[in-house]
Amino acid sequence: MLIIRRAKPDDIENLQKLNQEVFIDNHKYDDDLRMDWAISEKGKKYFTRLVKDKNSVCLMAFADGKPVAYIACGLKDFDYRKSKNLELQNMGTIPEYRSKGIGSKLIMKVKEWGKRQGFKRIYVNSYFHNHRAIKFYKKNAFAEIDLSLEMKI
């Protein structure tokens, strides 16, 4: 049985562990990544702020009482845009529960919450070569709007 609920302050450690587990292969896309960020004090502060901020939402999915997925979203301030935007900052599902529709259900719940809060759009950024993530977001009605570039110096 799947239960999706808003994360609470006592879920912070589970959020950190989930993030650490689901992003373990992201170093393939970004060699500048701090692989211990999620379990660091900065990671703890990030998730604590998300859980407490009224302009943010952090949901967790539990299967048989076990945390298996989460989604974290917060206000994205585009000074040059008219609409109030929500940024899907990160999300993930542990490997053995992927491709079971959990991520899509989390996005649907965030969309419902965002509408109630007056948000008009959800923005997400993905690593360019993370084809699985891009395919997932497109399947969930996200469309390209820009392309971010960076250069090493």
Foldseek 3Di string as FASTA:
>chain_A
DKDKDWDALVCLVVQLVLVLQFCVPVCVLPVPDDSNCSVDPNVSVVVNCQSPDPQKTKMFMDDPNHTFKMWIKGWDDDVPDDFTEIEREDMGGHVVCPPVCPVLVNVVVVVVVCVVVRGDYYHYDDRPPPVVVVVVVVVSVDDDDDDDDDDDD
